[in-house]
Amino acid sequence: MPGATAGYCIRDYHDSDRQAVRSLFMAGVRDYIPKCYRHVLTHPRTLLGLLAVSVALFLSSGSLLLTLLAAPALLAAAWRLLDSYYGRFIQLCLEDDLQDIQKTYLEGEDSHFWVAESDGEVVATVGAKPSTPSGDGERTLGLARLSVRRSHRKRGIARALCRAVLCFAQERGYKGVTLTVGIWNPEGKRLYRSLGFREIDRISPKKLVGKIFEDIFLCYRYDSLAGSS
């Protein structure tokens, strides 16, 4: 259960934490952008595309300078496009559940929000609320908004917050806990798998930009709630 441990304490969210929570979320998403961009740069499809554009430009213009400048310009444009794509995602989330965290997560008995505090500062967050019922009507709890400040990662804080959610779900009789994690988030995937989550589905992007950058979300589920206390 939430409490003090190794240089930080996990406690319930307070309204005074709102700006810190929103800032942590934004920083966490921004940290995700370079990972996706590096994947794009090393993908064979990208390399072939850059080569094809360069050859086409050289054949059509005969200018070696224009050909040499084309690749950096395209890469810069790709970065701006990716940054704008995630910027819109951040804004949507800030206007959704992170707009009024108290109302979204703390007014219902089956939802909650925690923060991890270190030296008087909020350094990590996680939320939990009921997931959309499955076809068989089974009750599951959704883990959301897990974010840890970069300077406080690899200290076990994320794991402790996840366990707080698992205990919360067990206490309320839920059969499982679900979450989504970006395919380009290797740290997150390792954490969830080590806790006992398993992949159950994948969500492909609907927007063209998401398809270009293969922004796929993996759906994970945890079922062994009997042993999570």
C-alpha atoms as a PDB file:
ATOM      1  CA  MET A   1       0.000   0.000   0.000  1.00  0.00           C
ATOM      2  CA  PRO A   2       1.121   3.607  -0.466  1.00  0.00           C
ATOM      3  CA  GLY A   3       3.596   4.879   2.091  1.00  0.00           C
ATOM      4  CA  ALA A   4       7.161   6.005   2.666  1.00  0.00           C
ATOM      5  CA  THR A   5      10.134   4.129   1.227  1.00  0.00           C
ATOM      6  CA  ALA A   6      13.745   4.669   0.039  1.00  0.00           C
ATOM      7  CA  GLY A   7      13.903   8.439  -0.289  1.00  0.00           C
ATOM      8  CA  TYR A   8      10.344   9.045  -1.455  1.00  0.00           C
ATOM      9  CA  CYS A   9       6.789   8.543  -0.280  1.00  0.00           C
ATOM     10  CA  ILE A  10       3.663   7.616  -2.201  1.00  0.00           C
ATOM     11  CA  ARG A  11       0.555   9.521  -1.197  1.00  0.00           C
ATOM     12  CA  ASP A  12      -2.874  10.519  -2.471  1.00  0.00           C
ATOM     13  CA  TYR A  13      -3.138  13.326  -4.996  1.00  0.00           C
ATOM     14  CA  HIS A  14      -4.026  16.804  -3.719  1.00  0.00           C
ATOM     15  CA  ASP A  15      -5.404  19.683  -5.773  1.00  0.00           C
ATOM     16  CA  SER A  16      -2.189  21.591  -5.100  1.00  0.00           C
ATOM     17  CA  ASP A  17      -0.327  18.912  -7.126  1.00  0.00           C
ATOM     18  CA  ARG A  18      -2.229  19.668 -10.341  1.00  0.00           C
ATOM     19  CA  GLN A  19       0.411  21.706 -12.150  1.00  0.00           C
ATOM     20  CA  ALA A  20       3.223  19.367 -11.113  1.00  0.00           C
ATOM     21  CA  VAL A  21       1.264  16.359 -12.381  1.00  0.00           C
ATOM     22  CA  ARG A  22       0.500  18.012 -15.712  1.00  0.00           C
ATOM     23  CA  SER A  23       4.132  19.076 -16.130  1.00  0.00           C
ATOM     24  CA  LEU A  24       5.367  15.545 -15.403  1.00  0.00           C
ATOM     25  CA  PHE A  25       2.974  14.139 -17.977  1.00  0.00           C
ATOM     26  CA  MET A  26       4.117  16.599 -20.642  1.00  0.00           C
ATOM     27  CA  ALA A  27       7.785  15.908 -19.937  1.00  0.00           C
ATOM     28  CA  GLY A  28       7.189  12.153 -20.103  1.00  0.00           C
ATOM     29  CA  VAL A  29       5.552  12.369 -23.512  1.00  0.00           C
ATOM     30  CA  ARG A  30       8.314  14.669 -24.777  1.00  0.00           C
ATOM     31  CA  ASP A  31      10.888  12.072 -23.697  1.00  0.00           C
ATOM     32  CA  TYR A  32       9.087   9.594 -25.940  1.00  0.00           C
ATOM     33  CA  ILE A  33       9.564  11.656 -29.118  1.00  0.00           C
ATOM     34  CA  PRO A  34      13.314  11.017 -29.667  1.00  0.00           C
ATOM     35  CA  LYS A  35      12.766   7.258 -29.300  1.00  0.00           C
ATOM     36  CA  CYS A  36      10.175   7.285 -32.048  1.00  0.00           C
ATOM     37  CA  TYR A  37      12.328   9.567 -34.195  1.00  0.00           C
ATOM     38  CA  ARG A  38      15.378   7.301 -33.863  1.00  0.00           C
ATOM     39  CA  HIS A  39      13.265   4.378 -34.984  1.00  0.00           C
ATOM     40  CA  VAL A  40      12.143   6.331 -38.040  1.00  0.00           C
ATOM     41  CA  LEU A  41      15.737   7.247 -38.925  1.00  0.00           C
ATOM     42  CA  THR A  42      16.942   3.642 -38.768  1.00  0.00           C
ATOM     43  CA  HIS A  43      13.952   2.048 -40.488  1.00  0.00           C
ATOM     44  CA  PRO A  44      14.879   0.569 -43.925  1.00  0.00           C
ATOM     45  CA  ARG A  45      11.777   2.182 -45.426  1.00  0.00           C
ATOM     46  CA  THR A  46      13.009   5.619 -44.364  1.00  0.00           C
ATOM     47  CA  LEU A  47      16.501   5.059 -45.711  1.00  0.00           C
ATOM     48  CA  LEU A  48      15.149   3.830 -49.033  1.00  0.00           C
ATOM     49  CA  GLY A  49      12.798   6.796 -49.216  1.00  0.00           C
ATOM     50  CA  LEU A  50      15.615   9.274 -48.613  1.00  0.00           C
ATOM     51  CA  LEU A  51      17.728   7.561 -51.249  1.00  0.00           C
ATOM     52  CA  ALA A  52      14.884   7.626 -53.762  1.00  0.00           C
ATOM     53  CA  VAL A  53      14.204  11.331 -53.161  1.00  0.00           C
ATOM     54  CA  SER A  54      17.895  12.178 -53.469  1.00  0.00           C
ATOM     55  CA  VAL A  55      18.264  10.293 -56.729  1.00  0.00           C
ATOM     56  CA  ALA A  56      15.099  11.840 -58.153  1.00  0.00           C
ATOM     57  CA  LEU A  57      16.259  15.339 -57.227  1.00  0.00           C
ATOM     58  CA  PHE A  58      19.680  14.820 -58.762  1.00  0.00           C
ATOM     59  CA  LEU A  59      18.255  13.420 -61.983  1.00  0.00           C
ATOM     60  CA  SER A  60      15.701  16.210 -62.301  1.00  0.00           C
ATOM     61  CA  SER A  61      17.897  19.143 -61.250  1.00  0.00           C
ATOM     62  CA  GLY A  62      21.435  17.986 -61.888  1.00  0.00           C
ATOM     63  CA  SER A  63      22.407  19.903 -58.727  1.00  0.00           C
ATOM     64  CA  LEU A  64      24.618  18.042 -56.281  1.00  0.00           C
ATOM     65  CA  LEU A  65      24.138  20.790 -53.664  1.00  0.00           C
ATOM     66  CA  LEU A  66      20.359  20.505 -53.809  1.00  0.00           C
ATOM     67  CA  THR A  67      20.647  16.748 -53.521  1.00  0.00           C
ATOM     68  CA  LEU A  68      22.901  16.989 -50.460  1.00  0.00           C
ATOM     69  CA  LEU A  69      20.565  19.480 -48.755  1.00  0.00           C
ATOM     70  CA  ALA A  70      17.431  17.439 -49.398  1.00  0.00           C
ATOM     71  CA  ALA A  71      18.003  14.729 -46.781  1.00  0.00           C
ATOM     72  CA  PRO A  72      18.640  17.121 -43.817  1.00  0.00           C
ATOM     73  CA  ALA A  73      15.624  19.185 -44.837  1.00  0.00           C
ATOM     74  CA  LEU A  74      13.391  16.115 -44.939  1.00  0.00           C
ATOM     75  CA  LEU A  75      14.668  14.902 -41.573  1.00  0.00           C
ATOM     76  CA  ALA A  76      14.037  18.309 -40.020  1.00  0.00           C
ATOM     77  CA  ALA A  77      10.516  18.309 -41.460  1.00  0.00           C
ATOM     78  CA  ALA A  78       9.922  14.828 -40.031  1.00  0.00           C
ATOM     79  CA  TRP A  79      10.980  16.019 -36.576  1.00  0.00           C
ATOM     80  CA  ARG A  80       8.637  19.000 -36.742  1.00  0.00           C
ATOM     81  CA  LEU A  81       5.786  16.753 -37.877  1.00  0.00           C
ATOM     82  CA  LEU A  82       6.419  14.277 -35.067  1.00  0.00           C
ATOM     83  CA  ASP A  83       6.726  17.039 -32.490  1.00  0.00           C
ATOM     84  CA  SER A  84       3.436  18.553 -33.660  1.00  0.00           C
ATOM     85  CA  TYR A  85       1.741  15.129 -33.601  1.00  0.00           C
ATOM     86  CA  TYR A  86       2.660  14.507 -29.972  1.00  0.00           C
ATOM     87  CA  GLY A  87       1.961  18.121 -29.091  1.00  0.00           C
ATOM     88  CA  ARG A  88      -1.646  17.584 -30.151  1.00  0.00           C
ATOM     89  CA  PHE A  89      -1.786  14.360 -28.128  1.00  0.00           C
ATOM     90  CA  ILE A  90      -0.541  16.203 -25.029  1.00  0.00           C
ATOM     91  CA  GLN A  91      -3.140  18.919 -25.468  1.00  0.00           C
ATOM     92  CA  LEU A  92      -5.964  16.398 -25.816  1.00  0.00           C
ATOM     93  CA  CYS A  93      -4.944  14.673 -22.589  1.00  0.00           C
ATOM     94  CA  LEU A  94      -4.578  17.939 -20.693  1.00  0.00           C
ATOM     95  CA  GLU A  95      -8.104  18.833 -21.755  1.00  0.00           C
ATOM     96  CA  ASP A  96      -9.434  15.379 -20.847  1.00  0.00           C
ATOM     97  CA  ASP A  97      -8.760  13.544 -17.555  1.00  0.00           C
ATOM     98  CA  LEU A  98      -5.837  15.801 -16.579  1.00  0.00           C
ATOM     99  CA  GLN A  99      -8.012  18.897 -16.800  1.00  0.00           C
ATOM    100  CA  ASP A 100      -9.739  18.089 -13.486  1.00  0.00           C
ATOM    101  CA  ILE A 101      -7.820  15.263 -11.828  1.00  0.00           C
ATOM    102  CA  GLN A 102      -9.828  15.507  -8.629  1.00  0.00           C
ATOM    103  CA  LYS A 103     -13.112  14.986 -10.465  1.00  0.00           C
ATOM    104  CA  THR A 104     -11.828  12.286 -12.812  1.00  0.00           C
ATOM    105  CA  TYR A 105      -9.978  10.111 -10.322  1.00  0.00           C
ATOM    106  CA  LEU A 106     -11.005  10.946  -6.746  1.00  0.00           C
ATOM    107  CA  GLU A 107     -14.765  11.453  -6.748  1.00  0.00           C
ATOM    108  CA  GLY A 108     -15.556   7.787  -7.428  1.00  0.00           C
ATOM    109  CA  GLU A 109     -14.664   4.997  -5.003  1.00  0.00           C
ATOM    110  CA  ASP A 110     -13.345   2.796  -7.843  1.00  0.00           C
ATOM    111  CA  SER A 111     -10.851   5.344  -9.156  1.00  0.00           C
ATOM    112  CA  HIS A 112      -7.831   7.010  -7.584  1.00  0.00           C
ATOM    113  CA  PHE A 113      -4.672   9.010  -8.256  1.00  0.00           C
ATOM    114  CA  TRP A 114      -1.325   8.842  -6.455  1.00  0.00           C
ATOM    115  CA  VAL A 115       1.857  10.861  -6.533  1.00  0.00           C
ATOM    116  CA  ALA A 116       5.365  10.036  -5.365  1.00  0.00           C
ATOM    117  CA  GLU A 117       7.006  12.827  -3.403  1.00  0.00           C
ATOM    118  CA  SER A 118      10.725  13.322  -2.796  1.00  0.00           C
ATOM    119  CA  ASP A 119      12.192  16.231  -0.820  1.00  0.00           C
ATOM    120  CA  GLY A 120       8.819  17.970  -0.928  1.00  0.00           C
ATOM    121  CA  GLU A 121       8.455  17.735  -4.716  1.00  0.00           C
ATOM    122  CA  VAL A 122       6.161  15.559  -6.823  1.00  0.00           C
ATOM    123  CA  VAL A 123       8.422  13.312  -8.898  1.00  0.00           C
ATOM    124  CA  ALA A 124       6.038  10.650 -10.198  1.00  0.00           C
ATOM    125  CA  THR A 125       2.352   9.960 -10.788  1.00  0.00           C
ATOM    126  CA  VAL A 126      -0.111   7.190 -11.554  1.00  0.00           C
ATOM    127  CA  GLY A 127      -3.881   6.955 -11.838  1.00  0.00           C
ATOM    128  CA  ALA A 128      -6.470   4.195 -11.849  1.00  0.00           C
ATOM    129  CA  LYS A 129     -10.065   4.094 -13.024  1.00  0.00           C
ATOM    130  CA  PRO A 130     -12.453   1.413 -14.302  1.00  0.00           C
ATOM    131  CA  SER A 131     -11.787   0.203 -17.832  1.00  0.00           C
ATOM    132  CA  THR A 132     -14.492  -0.164 -20.460  1.00  0.00           C
ATOM    133  CA  PRO A 133     -16.207  -3.513 -19.696  1.00  0.00           C
ATOM    134  CA  SER A 134     -15.171  -6.409 -21.910  1.00  0.00           C
ATOM    135  CA  GLY A 135     -17.621  -8.424 -23.950  1.00  0.00           C
ATOM    136  CA  ASP A 136     -18.181 -10.826 -21.064  1.00  0.00           C
ATOM    137  CA  GLY A 137     -18.836  -7.975 -18.646  1.00  0.00           C
ATOM    138  CA  GLU A 138     -15.706  -8.675 -16.585  1.00  0.00           C
ATOM    139  CA  ARG A 139     -14.579  -5.797 -14.374  1.00  0.00           C
ATOM    140  CA  THR A 140     -11.042  -4.533 -14.918  1.00  0.00           C
ATOM    141  CA  LEU A 141      -9.230  -1.480 -13.633  1.00  0.00           C
ATOM    142  CA  GLY A 142      -7.212   0.729 -15.963  1.00  0.00           C
ATOM    143  CA  LEU A 143      -3.742   1.924 -14.951  1.00  0.00           C
ATOM    144  CA  ALA A 144      -2.990   5.314 -16.475  1.00  0.00           C
ATOM    145  CA  ARG A 145      -0.720   8.373 -16.410  1.00  0.00           C
ATOM    146  CA  LEU A 146       2.322   6.587 -15.007  1.00  0.00           C
ATOM    147  CA  SER A 147       5.146   9.091 -15.266  1.00  0.00           C
ATOM    148  CA  VAL A 148       8.437   9.516 -13.399  1.00  0.00           C
ATOM    149  CA  ARG A 149      10.711  12.540 -13.530  1.00  0.00           C
ATOM    150  CA  ARG A 150      13.854  11.709 -15.491  1.00  0.00           C
ATOM    151  CA  SER A 151      16.123  12.485 -12.525  1.00  0.00           C
ATOM    152  CA  HIS A 152      14.263   9.974 -10.338  1.00  0.00           C
ATOM    153  CA  ARG A 153      14.024   7.007 -12.685  1.00  0.00           C
ATOM    154  CA  LYS A 154      15.572   3.598 -11.964  1.00  0.00           C
ATOM    155  CA  ARG A 155      14.844   3.947  -8.238  1.00  0.00           C
ATOM    156  CA  GLY A 156      11.860   1.594  -8.109  1.00  0.00           C
ATOM    157  CA  ILE A 157       9.304   4.412  -7.974  1.00  0.00           C
ATOM    158  CA  ALA A 158       7.381   3.302 -11.066  1.00  0.00           C
ATOM    159  CA  ARG A 159       7.231  -0.261  -9.764  1.00  0.00           C
ATOM    160  CA  ALA A 160       5.945   0.919  -6.379  1.00  0.00           C
ATOM    161  CA  LEU A 161       3.237   3.030  -8.038  1.00  0.00           C
ATOM    162  CA  CYS A 162       2.148   0.089 -10.190  1.00  0.00           C
ATOM    163  CA  ARG A 163       1.902  -2.095  -7.094  1.00  0.00           C
ATOM    164  CA  ALA A 164      -0.260   0.561  -5.439  1.00  0.00           C
ATOM    165  CA  VAL A 165      -2.681   0.256  -8.363  1.00  0.00           C
ATOM    166  CA  LEU A 166      -2.632  -3.560  -8.206  1.00  0.00           C
ATOM    167  CA  CYS A 167      -3.421  -3.488  -4.478  1.00  0.00           C
ATOM    168  CA  PHE A 168      -6.187  -0.957  -5.052  1.00  0.00           C
ATOM    169  CA  ALA A 169      -7.732  -3.195  -7.720  1.00  0.00           C
ATOM    170  CA  GLN A 170      -7.516  -6.268  -5.511  1.00  0.00           C
ATOM    171  CA  GLU A 171      -9.174  -4.508  -2.578  1.00  0.00           C
ATOM    172  CA  ARG A 172     -12.112  -3.558  -4.773  1.00  0.00           C
ATOM    173  CA  GLY A 173     -12.611  -6.998  -6.266  1.00  0.00           C
ATOM    174  CA  TYR A 174     -11.413  -6.353  -9.790  1.00  0.00           C
ATOM    175  CA  LYS A 175     -10.443  -9.372 -11.890  1.00  0.00           C
ATOM    176  CA  GLY A 176      -7.601  -7.663 -13.707  1.00  0.00           C
ATOM    177  CA  VAL A 177      -5.703  -4.463 -14.440  1.00  0.00           C
ATOM    178  CA  THR A 178      -5.197  -3.153 -17.960  1.00  0.00           C
ATOM    179  CA  LEU A 179      -3.000  -0.483 -19.512  1.00  0.00           C
ATOM    180  CA  THR A 180      -1.541   0.668 -22.810  1.00  0.00           C
ATOM    181  CA  VAL A 181       2.117   1.372 -23.530  1.00  0.00           C
ATOM    182  CA  GLY A 182       3.749   2.791 -26.639  1.00  0.00           C
ATOM    183  CA  ILE A 183       5.685   0.322 -28.745  1.00  0.00           C
ATOM    184  CA  TRP A 184       8.737   2.621 -28.617  1.00  0.00           C
ATOM    185  CA  ASN A 185       8.814   2.625 -24.808  1.00  0.00           C
ATOM    186  CA  PRO A 186      11.189  -0.259 -23.974  1.00  0.00           C
ATOM    187  CA  GLU A 187      11.564   0.727 -20.313  1.00  0.00           C
ATOM    188  CA  GLY A 188       7.821   0.687 -19.802  1.00  0.00           C
ATOM    189  CA  LYS A 189       7.417  -2.669 -21.525  1.00  0.00           C
ATOM    190  CA  ARG A 190      10.166  -4.235 -19.402  1.00  0.00           C
ATOM    191  CA  LEU A 191       8.594  -2.890 -16.210  1.00  0.00           C
ATOM    192  CA  TYR A 192       5.108  -4.170 -16.963  1.00  0.00           C
ATOM    193  CA  ARG A 193       6.328  -7.586 -18.065  1.00  0.00           C
ATOM    194  CA  SER A 194       8.447  -7.956 -14.930  1.00  0.00           C
ATOM    195  CA  LEU A 195       5.346  -7.231 -12.841  1.00  0.00           C
ATOM    196  CA  GLY A 196       3.386  -9.967 -14.605  1.00  0.00           C
ATOM    197  CA  PHE A 197       1.478  -8.033 -17.277  1.00  0.00           C
ATOM    198  CA  ARG A 198       1.018  -9.725 -20.633  1.00  0.00           C
ATOM    199  CA  GLU A 199       0.255  -8.314 -24.052  1.00  0.00           C
ATOM    200  CA  ILE A 200      -3.328  -8.962 -25.152  1.00  0.00           C
ATOM    201  CA  ASP A 201      -3.812  -6.649 -28.127  1.00  0.00           C
ATOM    202  CA  ARG A 202      -2.345  -3.856 -30.235  1.00  0.00           C
ATOM    203  CA  ILE A 203      -3.911  -0.540 -31.234  1.00  0.00           C
ATOM    204  CA  SER A 204      -2.800   0.747 -34.624  1.00  0.00           C
ATOM    205  CA  PRO A 205      -2.840   4.502 -35.278  1.00  0.00           C
ATOM    206  CA  LYS A 206      -5.787   5.889 -37.206  1.00  0.00           C
ATOM    207  CA  LYS A 207      -4.195   9.142 -38.342  1.00  0.00           C
ATOM    208  CA  LEU A 208      -1.795   9.249 -41.286  1.00  0.00           C
ATOM    209  CA  VAL A 209       1.000  10.764 -39.200  1.00  0.00           C
ATOM    210  CA  GLY A 210       0.667   7.967 -36.669  1.00  0.00           C
ATOM    211  CA  LYS A 211       0.809   5.390 -39.443  1.00  0.00           C
ATOM    212  CA  ILE A 212       3.943   6.982 -40.890  1.00  0.00           C
ATOM    213  CA  PHE A 213       5.713   6.835 -37.536  1.00  0.00           C
ATOM    214  CA  GLU A 214       4.193   3.447 -36.599  1.00  0.00           C
ATOM    215  CA  ASP A 215       2.871   4.855 -33.328  1.00  0.00           C
ATOM    216  CA  ILE A 216       1.403   1.558 -32.109  1.00  0.00           C
ATOM    217  CA  PHE A 217       0.084   1.090 -28.573  1.00  0.00           C
ATOM    218  CA  LEU A 218       0.341  -2.303 -26.877  1.00  0.00           C
ATOM    219  CA  CYS A 219      -2.505  -3.367 -24.598  1.00  0.00           C
ATOM    220  CA  TYR A 220      -1.334  -5.200 -21.465  1.00  0.00           C
ATOM    221  CA  ARG A 221      -3.281  -7.023 -18.768  1.00  0.00           C
ATOM    222  CA  TYR A 222      -2.496  -8.281 -15.281  1.00  0.00           C
ATOM    223  CA  ASP A 223      -4.625 -11.137 -13.921  1.00  0.00           C
ATOM    224  CA  SER A 224      -2.854 -12.519 -10.844  1.00  0.00           C
ATOM    225  CA  LEU A 225      -4.450 -10.125  -8.361  1.00  0.00           C
ATOM    226  CA  ALA A 226      -4.613 -12.795  -5.685  1.00  0.00           C
ATOM    227  CA  GLY A 227      -0.850 -12.510  -5.301  1.00  0.00           C
ATOM    228  CA  SER A 228      -0.425  -8.752  -5.634  1.00  0.00           C
ATOM    229  CA  SER A 229      -0.727  -7.731  -1.989  1.00  0.00           C
END
